[in-house]
């Protein structure tokens, strides 16, 4: 409960996000697909060591998945930049907890409350089942934490960065940190990972958090940071 309240307080104090996003909720929602453990993704309960806040770059996601995520990717007046992929609990070593408890189907109220941050009912269901059940007793508490942390992050001018022919991973990180310098996130270069596709397109930014859900330097289980001088590109439209 204290973590949830702290995260909500962080959201209230945060400045507006430096990103243009238009989101109009549909009149009706589809029932999300069930997400459950399997032989390849088994139920696993291990102590939590830290957390990851994953923010996906929507135009890159939609470049190859328009049919799968129609609300996010097929227009209808909506426009998404960085979306909340999820808040993930990590273990203290190489393994992480997942599918800790049976997950109920998310209610329409929960889906509507979160769909503009995570614009896929199936992804919302998956995040609750795989990650949220290891962190919270209710989906509302889990998504409140995730949305609060997401809302505290500011973003650089993505169009300007996309126009740069000399953009590198380190230059992008500097711009991302500069956008958050006056905020309350306390991000550092050691506290984020930039995920690129094989062709060098921006896919996702992952922010590392400690056990107190405050932004922190990434632990070893966060994976490699990638080459700072690696060239990268940003897709502005699918």
Protein backbone atom coordinates (compact mmCIF):
# COMPACT_ATOMS: atom_id res chain seq x y z
CA UNK A 1 0.00 0.00 0.00
CA UNK A 2 2.82 2.44 0.87
CA UNK A 3 4.47 1.78 -2.50
CA UNK A 4 1.22 2.43 -4.33
CA UNK A 5 0.63 5.71 -2.44
CA UNK A 6 4.20 6.84 -3.05
CA UNK A 7 3.88 6.15 -6.77
CA UNK A 8 0.60 8.07 -6.98
CA UNK A 9 2.18 11.01 -5.16
CA UNK A 10 5.01 10.93 -7.71
CA UNK A 11 2.49 11.18 -10.55
CA UNK A 12 0.73 14.13 -8.95
CA UNK A 13 4.00 16.03 -8.62
CA UNK A 14 5.31 15.24 -12.10
CA UNK A 15 5.23 17.78 -14.95
CA UNK A 16 3.31 17.10 -18.13
CA UNK A 17 4.81 14.56 -20.46
CA UNK A 18 6.81 15.99 -23.34
CA UNK A 19 5.08 13.86 -25.91
CA UNK A 20 2.04 14.32 -28.10
CA UNK A 21 -0.49 11.52 -27.64
CA UNK A 22 -4.08 11.35 -28.76
CA UNK A 23 -6.27 8.60 -27.36
CA UNK A 24 -10.01 8.17 -27.74
CA UNK A 25 -11.48 5.11 -26.04
CA UNK A 26 -13.72 2.88 -28.17
CA UNK A 27 -17.40 2.52 -27.33
CA UNK A 28 -17.00 -1.19 -26.66
CA UNK A 29 -14.05 -3.37 -25.69
CA UNK A 30 -13.22 -6.91 -26.66
CA UNK A 31 -12.68 -9.48 -23.93
CA UNK A 32 -8.91 -9.92 -23.47
CA UNK A 33 -7.32 -13.24 -24.28
CA UNK A 34 -6.32 -15.39 -21.35
CA UNK A 35 -2.66 -15.35 -20.37
CA UNK A 36 -1.53 -18.34 -18.33
CA UNK A 37 1.65 -20.24 -17.47
CA UNK A 38 2.87 -22.91 -19.88
CA UNK A 39 5.72 -25.38 -20.25
CA UNK A 40 7.83 -22.66 -21.83
CA UNK A 41 6.65 -19.95 -19.41
CA UNK A 42 6.04 -21.75 -16.10
CA UNK A 43 4.76 -20.37 -12.84
CA UNK A 44 7.79 -19.20 -10.89
CA UNK A 45 7.99 -17.68 -7.43
CA UNK A 46 11.34 -16.20 -6.43
CA UNK A 47 12.22 -13.20 -4.20
CA UNK A 48 12.00 -9.80 -5.89
CA UNK A 49 15.29 -7.96 -6.15
CA UNK A 50 14.36 -4.93 -8.28
CA UNK A 51 11.98 -3.80 -11.01
CA UNK A 52 11.92 -2.70 -14.65
CA UNK A 53 9.60 -0.11 -16.20
CA UNK A 54 9.37 -0.94 -19.91
CA UNK A 55 8.25 1.79 -22.34
CA UNK A 56 7.71 0.70 -25.95
CA UNK A 57 7.97 3.04 -28.94
CA UNK A 58 4.58 2.56 -30.57
CA UNK A 59 5.40 3.50 -34.20
CA UNK A 60 8.04 0.76 -34.33
CA UNK A 61 5.70 -1.80 -32.76
CA UNK A 62 2.96 -0.94 -35.23
CA UNK A 63 5.25 -1.13 -38.25
CA UNK A 64 4.80 -4.90 -38.27
CA UNK A 65 1.71 -5.56 -36.16
CA UNK A 66 -1.13 -3.39 -37.44
CA UNK A 67 -3.58 -6.26 -37.71
CA UNK A 68 -2.88 -7.58 -34.23
CA UNK A 69 -3.32 -4.31 -32.35
CA UNK A 70 -6.00 -2.39 -34.22
CA UNK A 71 -6.75 0.13 -31.44
CA UNK A 72 -3.09 1.06 -31.09
CA UNK A 73 -2.06 0.87 -34.72
CA UNK A 74 -4.91 1.50 -37.14
CA UNK A 75 -5.42 5.18 -36.61
CA UNK A 76 -9.06 6.16 -35.90
CA UNK A 77 -7.73 9.45 -34.57
CA UNK A 78 -5.40 7.83 -32.06
CA UNK A 79 -1.70 8.58 -31.92
CA UNK A 80 0.76 6.96 -29.54
CA UNK A 81 4.43 7.59 -28.85
CA UNK A 82 5.96 5.84 -25.86
CA UNK A 83 3.41 3.49 -24.35
CA UNK A 84 3.58 1.61 -21.06
CA UNK A 85 4.62 -1.93 -21.91
CA UNK A 86 4.71 -2.97 -18.28
CA UNK A 87 6.12 -2.87 -14.78
CA UNK A 88 8.12 -6.06 -14.22
CA UNK A 89 9.45 -7.56 -11.00
CA UNK A 90 12.95 -9.00 -11.38
CA UNK A 91 14.63 -11.61 -9.22
CA UNK A 92 17.87 -11.28 -7.34
CA UNK A 93 19.66 -13.35 -9.96
CA UNK A 94 19.00 -14.55 -13.48
CA UNK A 95 15.42 -15.75 -12.80
CA UNK A 96 12.38 -13.58 -12.20
CA UNK A 97 8.95 -14.25 -10.68
CA UNK A 98 6.05 -14.79 -13.04
CA UNK A 99 2.46 -16.06 -12.99
CA UNK A 100 2.54 -16.10 -9.20
CA UNK A 101 -1.25 -16.49 -8.75
CA UNK A 102 -4.25 -17.27 -10.94
CA UNK A 103 -5.32 -14.10 -12.76
CA UNK A 104 -8.92 -13.08 -13.16
CA UNK A 105 -10.06 -11.53 -16.45
CA UNK A 106 -9.67 -7.77 -16.22
CA UNK A 107 -12.91 -5.86 -15.86
CA UNK A 108 -14.03 -3.29 -18.47
CA UNK A 109 -13.46 -0.56 -15.86
CA UNK A 110 -9.81 -1.56 -15.36
CA UNK A 111 -9.27 -1.85 -19.10
CA UNK A 112 -10.72 1.60 -19.78
CA UNK A 113 -8.67 3.15 -16.99
CA UNK A 114 -5.43 1.86 -18.50
CA UNK A 115 -6.00 1.57 -22.24
CA UNK A 116 -4.57 4.98 -23.16
CA UNK A 117 -1.31 4.11 -21.38
CA UNK A 118 -1.18 0.49 -22.60
CA UNK A 119 -3.34 0.44 -25.75
CA UNK A 120 -4.05 -3.30 -25.99
CA UNK A 121 -6.52 -5.27 -23.90
CA UNK A 122 -4.54 -8.45 -24.52
CA UNK A 123 -1.30 -6.83 -23.37
CA UNK A 124 -2.99 -5.49 -20.24
CA UNK A 125 -4.28 -8.97 -19.40
CA UNK A 126 -0.86 -10.48 -20.05
CA UNK A 127 0.96 -7.94 -17.89
CA UNK A 128 -1.42 -8.52 -14.98
CA UNK A 129 -1.22 -12.31 -15.25
CA UNK A 130 2.53 -12.64 -15.74
CA UNK A 131 3.88 -9.74 -13.69
CA UNK A 132 1.15 -8.06 -11.69
CA UNK A 133 0.13 -11.16 -9.77
CA UNK A 134 3.64 -11.26 -8.31
CA UNK A 135 3.38 -7.67 -7.04
CA UNK A 136 -0.19 -6.88 -6.00
CA UNK A 137 -3.31 -8.55 -4.72
CA UNK A 138 -5.54 -6.62 -7.14
CA UNK A 139 -5.07 -5.46 -10.73
CA UNK A 140 -6.14 -1.94 -9.76
CA UNK A 141 -3.23 -1.56 -7.34
CA UNK A 142 -0.75 -2.98 -9.83
CA UNK A 143 -1.79 -0.74 -12.70
CA UNK A 144 -1.99 2.34 -10.46
CA UNK A 145 1.68 1.86 -9.59
CA UNK A 146 2.69 1.31 -13.20
CA UNK A 147 0.72 4.31 -14.50
CA UNK A 148 2.12 6.58 -11.81
CA UNK A 149 5.70 5.70 -12.69
CA UNK A 150 4.97 6.05 -16.40
CA UNK A 151 3.34 9.42 -15.80
CA UNK A 152 6.43 10.69 -13.99
CA UNK A 153 8.68 10.19 -17.03
CA UNK A 154 9.22 12.98 -19.53
CA UNK A 155 10.29 12.38 -23.11
CA UNK A 156 12.58 14.30 -25.48
CA UNK A 157 11.56 15.80 -28.81
CA UNK A 158 11.29 12.56 -30.73
CA UNK A 159 10.70 14.20 -34.12
CA UNK A 160 13.91 16.19 -33.76
CA UNK A 161 15.86 13.10 -32.76
CA UNK A 162 14.35 11.10 -35.64
CA UNK A 163 15.55 13.74 -38.10
CA UNK A 164 19.17 13.35 -37.01
CA UNK A 165 21.28 11.28 -39.37
CA UNK A 166 24.06 11.02 -36.79
CA UNK A 167 21.90 9.78 -33.91
CA UNK A 168 23.62 7.27 -31.64
CA UNK A 169 22.49 5.33 -28.60
CA UNK A 170 24.50 7.63 -26.29
CA UNK A 171 23.08 10.79 -27.92
CA UNK A 172 19.55 9.47 -27.45
CA UNK A 173 20.27 8.65 -23.79
CA UNK A 174 21.62 12.18 -23.22
CA UNK A 175 18.45 13.67 -24.71
CA UNK A 176 16.26 11.37 -22.62
CA UNK A 177 18.09 12.33 -19.42
CA UNK A 178 17.97 16.03 -20.29
CA UNK A 179 14.19 15.84 -20.67
CA UNK A 180 13.97 14.45 -17.14
CA UNK A 181 16.55 16.69 -15.50
CA UNK A 182 13.98 18.97 -13.88
CA UNK A 183 11.53 16.22 -13.06
CA UNK A 184 11.26 13.97 -10.05
CA UNK A 185 12.46 10.74 -11.65
CA UNK A 186 16.19 11.04 -10.78
CA UNK A 187 17.14 9.04 -13.86
CA UNK A 188 20.81 8.39 -14.60
CA UNK A 189 22.66 6.95 -17.57
CA UNK A 190 23.31 3.81 -15.53
CA UNK A 191 19.58 3.42 -14.89
CA UNK A 192 18.23 2.84 -18.36
CA UNK A 193 18.57 0.49 -21.30
CA UNK A 194 17.73 1.33 -24.93
CA UNK A 195 16.49 -1.63 -26.97
CA UNK A 196 17.06 -1.50 -30.74
CA UNK A 197 15.94 -3.80 -33.52
CA UNK A 198 18.48 -5.69 -35.61
CA UNK A 199 18.21 -2.89 -38.15
CA UNK A 200 18.91 -0.24 -35.51
CA UNK A 201 15.38 1.10 -35.02
CA UNK A 202 14.30 2.20 -31.54
CA UNK A 203 12.00 -0.41 -29.99
CA UNK A 204 11.91 0.22 -26.26
CA UNK A 205 13.38 2.11 -23.33
CA UNK A 206 13.68 0.16 -20.07
CA UNK A 207 14.11 2.06 -16.82
CA UNK A 208 15.56 0.31 -13.78
CA UNK A 209 14.07 0.66 -10.32
CA UNK A 210 15.12 -0.54 -6.89
CA UNK A 211 12.98 -2.52 -4.48
CA UNK A 212 11.44 0.78 -3.27
CA UNK A 213 10.21 1.50 -6.83
CA UNK A 214 12.53 4.48 -7.14
CA UNK A 215 14.64 4.86 -10.26
CA UNK A 216 18.09 3.41 -9.69
CA UNK A 217 21.17 2.10 -11.45
CA UNK A 218 20.51 -1.13 -13.32
CA UNK A 219 21.54 -4.38 -11.68
CA UNK A 220 23.46 -7.08 -13.52
CA UNK A 221 20.25 -8.93 -14.36
CA UNK A 222 19.09 -5.95 -16.46
CA UNK A 223 21.22 -7.17 -19.35
CA UNK A 224 23.88 -5.37 -21.40
CA UNK A 225 23.62 -1.64 -21.99
CA UNK A 226 24.65 -1.88 -25.66
CA UNK A 227 27.36 0.01 -27.50
CA UNK A 228 27.11 3.77 -26.75
CA UNK A 229 28.28 4.79 -30.22
CA UNK A 230 25.89 2.47 -32.07
CA UNK A 231 23.90 4.28 -34.74
CA UNK A 232 20.14 4.21 -34.27
CA UNK A 233 17.02 5.41 -36.04
CA UNK A 234 13.56 6.38 -34.83
CA UNK A 235 10.46 5.60 -36.84
CA UNK A 236 7.82 8.30 -36.48
CA UNK A 237 5.07 6.50 -38.41
CA UNK A 238 4.33 2.77 -38.86
